Protein backbone atom coordinates (compact mmCIF):
# COMPACT_ATOMS: atom_id res chain seq x y z
CA UNK A 1 0.00 0.00 0.00
CA UNK A 2 2.71 2.51 0.98
CA UNK A 3 4.64 1.63 -2.18
CA UNK A 4 1.65 2.48 -4.40
CA UNK A 5 1.22 5.83 -2.59
CA UNK A 6 4.91 6.64 -3.12
CA UNK A 7 4.64 5.69 -6.78
CA UNK A 8 1.59 7.88 -7.33
CA UNK A 9 3.21 10.83 -5.51
CA UNK A 10 6.44 10.57 -7.51
CA UNK A 11 4.51 10.50 -10.79
CA UNK A 12 2.48 13.67 -10.05
CA UNK A 13 2.79 16.42 -12.65
CA UNK A 14 4.08 19.28 -10.49
CA UNK A 15 5.97 22.40 -11.57
CA UNK A 16 8.77 21.57 -9.16
CA UNK A 17 12.35 21.01 -10.16
CA UNK A 18 15.64 22.62 -9.20
CA UNK A 19 15.51 25.61 -11.55
CA UNK A 20 11.94 26.61 -10.65
CA UNK A 21 12.64 25.98 -6.96
CA UNK A 22 15.72 28.24 -6.99
CA UNK A 23 14.03 31.02 -8.98
CA UNK A 24 11.08 30.89 -6.59
CA UNK A 25 13.44 30.97 -3.61
CA UNK A 26 15.16 34.10 -4.95
CA UNK A 27 11.77 35.69 -5.70
CA UNK A 28 10.51 35.04 -2.19
CA UNK A 29 13.77 36.23 -0.59
CA UNK A 30 13.74 39.46 -2.59
CA UNK A 31 10.02 39.95 -1.93
CA UNK A 32 10.51 39.46 1.79
CA UNK A 33 13.39 41.94 1.75
CA UNK A 34 11.29 44.45 -0.20
CA UNK A 35 8.42 44.05 2.27
CA UNK A 36 10.55 44.19 5.42
CA UNK A 37 13.22 46.78 4.65
CA UNK A 38 11.83 48.49 1.52
CA UNK A 39 12.76 48.41 -2.14
CA UNK A 40 15.86 50.60 -1.84
CA UNK A 41 17.42 48.57 0.99
CA UNK A 42 16.45 45.25 -0.66
CA UNK A 43 18.10 46.44 -3.86
CA UNK A 44 21.21 47.26 -1.83
CA UNK A 45 21.42 43.76 -0.37
CA UNK A 46 20.93 42.16 -3.77
CA UNK A 47 23.53 44.54 -5.21
CA UNK A 48 26.18 43.14 -2.90
CA UNK A 49 25.44 39.62 -4.15
CA UNK A 50 25.42 40.84 -7.77
CA UNK A 51 28.78 42.54 -7.35
CA UNK A 52 30.35 39.37 -5.97
CA UNK A 53 28.84 37.29 -8.75
CA UNK A 54 29.98 39.85 -11.33
CA UNK A 55 33.56 39.65 -10.07
CA UNK A 56 33.54 35.85 -10.26
CA UNK A 57 31.93 35.75 -13.70
CA UNK A 58 34.39 38.38 -14.94
CA UNK A 59 37.30 36.29 -13.72
CA UNK A 60 35.83 33.14 -15.30
CA UNK A 61 35.55 34.78 -18.73
CA UNK A 62 39.02 36.38 -18.55
CA UNK A 63 40.53 33.02 -17.59
CA UNK A 64 38.68 31.19 -20.36
CA UNK A 65 39.75 33.84 -22.90
CA UNK A 66 43.28 33.92 -21.41
CA UNK A 67 43.31 37.72 -21.14
CA UNK A 68 43.95 40.14 -18.29
CA UNK A 69 41.26 42.60 -19.39
CA UNK A 70 38.31 42.46 -21.75
CA UNK A 71 37.95 44.99 -24.57
CA UNK A 72 34.71 46.96 -24.98
CA UNK A 73 33.53 44.55 -27.68
CA UNK A 74 34.43 41.56 -25.49
CA UNK A 75 32.56 43.11 -22.53
CA UNK A 76 29.44 43.50 -24.70
CA UNK A 77 29.75 39.95 -26.04
CA UNK A 78 30.38 38.51 -22.56
CA UNK A 79 27.31 40.24 -21.11
CA UNK A 80 25.10 38.83 -23.88
CA UNK A 81 26.69 35.37 -23.58
CA UNK A 82 26.35 35.12 -19.81
CA UNK A 83 22.66 36.01 -20.00
CA UNK A 84 22.11 33.40 -22.74
CA UNK A 85 23.83 30.78 -20.56
CA UNK A 86 21.31 31.45 -17.79
CA UNK A 87 18.37 31.46 -20.21
CA UNK A 88 17.93 35.18 -20.70
CA UNK A 89 17.59 36.68 -24.17
CA UNK A 90 19.73 39.80 -24.13
CA UNK A 91 20.97 41.34 -27.37
CA UNK A 92 22.92 44.44 -28.35
CA UNK A 93 20.85 47.28 -29.79
CA UNK A 94 23.79 49.62 -30.25
CA UNK A 95 27.28 50.20 -28.93
CA UNK A 96 30.09 52.70 -29.20
CA UNK A 97 32.93 53.90 -26.98
CA UNK A 98 30.50 55.75 -24.69
CA UNK A 99 27.74 53.19 -24.10
CA UNK A 100 26.27 49.79 -24.84
CA UNK A 101 22.49 49.52 -25.17
CA UNK A 102 20.98 46.11 -24.52
CA UNK A 103 17.51 44.78 -25.17
CA UNK A 104 16.09 41.68 -23.54
CA UNK A 105 13.09 39.55 -24.43
CA UNK A 106 13.28 36.96 -21.63
CA UNK A 107 14.36 37.37 -18.02
CA UNK A 108 16.52 34.54 -16.62
CA UNK A 109 14.20 34.61 -13.58
CA UNK A 110 11.18 34.08 -15.85
CA UNK A 111 7.85 35.20 -14.44
CA UNK A 112 9.36 35.12 -10.94
CA UNK A 113 10.77 38.64 -11.53
CA UNK A 114 7.36 40.30 -11.97
CA UNK A 115 6.83 42.86 -9.19
CA UNK A 116 10.31 42.13 -7.81
CA UNK A 117 12.40 45.04 -9.17
CA UNK A 118 15.07 44.42 -6.54
CA UNK A 119 15.99 41.29 -8.52
CA UNK A 120 17.06 43.58 -11.40
CA UNK A 121 20.01 44.63 -9.25
CA UNK A 122 21.59 41.32 -10.24
CA UNK A 123 21.73 42.51 -13.85
CA UNK A 124 22.82 46.02 -12.90
CA UNK A 125 25.62 44.84 -10.64
CA UNK A 126 26.89 41.99 -12.79
CA UNK A 127 26.92 44.24 -15.90
CA UNK A 128 28.37 47.22 -14.02
CA UNK A 129 31.05 45.21 -12.23
CA UNK A 130 32.25 43.47 -15.39
CA UNK A 131 32.24 46.68 -17.46
CA UNK A 132 33.95 48.82 -14.80
CA UNK A 133 36.58 46.24 -13.86
CA UNK A 134 37.65 45.97 -17.49
CA UNK A 135 37.04 49.46 -18.83
CA UNK A 136 37.42 51.61 -15.70
CA UNK A 137 33.90 52.97 -15.30
CA UNK A 138 30.27 52.04 -15.85
CA UNK A 139 26.88 53.51 -15.06
CA UNK A 140 23.95 51.16 -15.54
CA UNK A 141 20.51 52.48 -16.30
CA UNK A 142 17.64 50.00 -16.11
CA UNK A 143 15.46 51.97 -18.50
CA UNK A 144 12.71 49.36 -18.91
CA UNK A 145 12.32 46.09 -17.03
CA UNK A 146 10.07 43.07 -17.10
CA UNK A 147 9.93 43.37 -13.30
CA UNK A 148 8.10 46.67 -13.69
CA UNK A 149 5.67 45.24 -16.23
CA UNK A 150 7.42 46.02 -19.53
CA UNK A 151 7.31 43.37 -22.26
CA UNK A 152 11.11 43.39 -22.31
CA UNK A 153 14.11 45.12 -20.80
CA UNK A 154 16.23 47.98 -22.05
CA UNK A 155 19.51 48.32 -20.17
CA UNK A 156 22.08 50.99 -20.96
CA UNK A 157 25.65 50.61 -19.76
CA UNK A 158 27.45 53.95 -19.97
CA UNK A 159 31.21 53.47 -20.27
CA UNK A 160 32.20 57.12 -19.87
CA UNK A 161 30.91 59.87 -17.65
CA UNK A 162 29.36 61.94 -20.45
CA UNK A 163 26.69 64.64 -20.02
CA UNK A 164 24.13 62.04 -21.19
CA UNK A 165 25.30 59.58 -18.53
CA UNK A 166 25.23 62.27 -15.85
CA UNK A 167 21.61 63.12 -16.69
CA UNK A 168 20.20 59.61 -16.24
CA UNK A 169 19.31 57.76 -13.09
CA UNK A 170 21.42 54.68 -12.56
CA UNK A 171 24.12 53.03 -10.51
CA UNK A 172 27.79 53.87 -10.99
CA UNK A 173 30.60 51.33 -10.86
CA UNK A 174 34.34 51.87 -10.73
CA UNK A 175 37.29 49.58 -11.34
CA UNK A 176 38.13 47.70 -8.15
CA UNK A 177 41.63 47.45 -6.78
CA UNK A 178 41.74 43.71 -7.54
CA UNK A 179 41.25 44.54 -11.25
CA UNK A 180 44.27 46.83 -11.55
């Protein structure tokens, strides 16, 4: 009898596997932070995690490419590639020496990001950390996000402190000492 119950439980069609479990965990953690300490503080906590992840991912790509620093084109390509590897759909809209403009059709967090804008700090900090540690400076503007209800994301990474960059709201990143 117990064996037939176990068999029927294990064959249930449930939306539960590691990826969904982890995305849901992150959603609930960020939601709890947003509810308890507010959006700004929650974003700050998630930013710390994003910065650490950005540093590790940056090192992984530089090691794999066998380079000490990534060029602007490599930074853009790495940011698109890393998002593809985690099932996002980022693409480059435009780029020049002053900025890289990204679009995105699919968030790596899937529908778990909706109404959780603090989770967007992962993108901001990973992008900003990688760009700044290789190019010296970055300011990331999350212009449109799926978390805020947009159909896609538009993320601008400013690479120089231009008048345009100064006029937009965003987070600034600077090359860390470990990157020198």
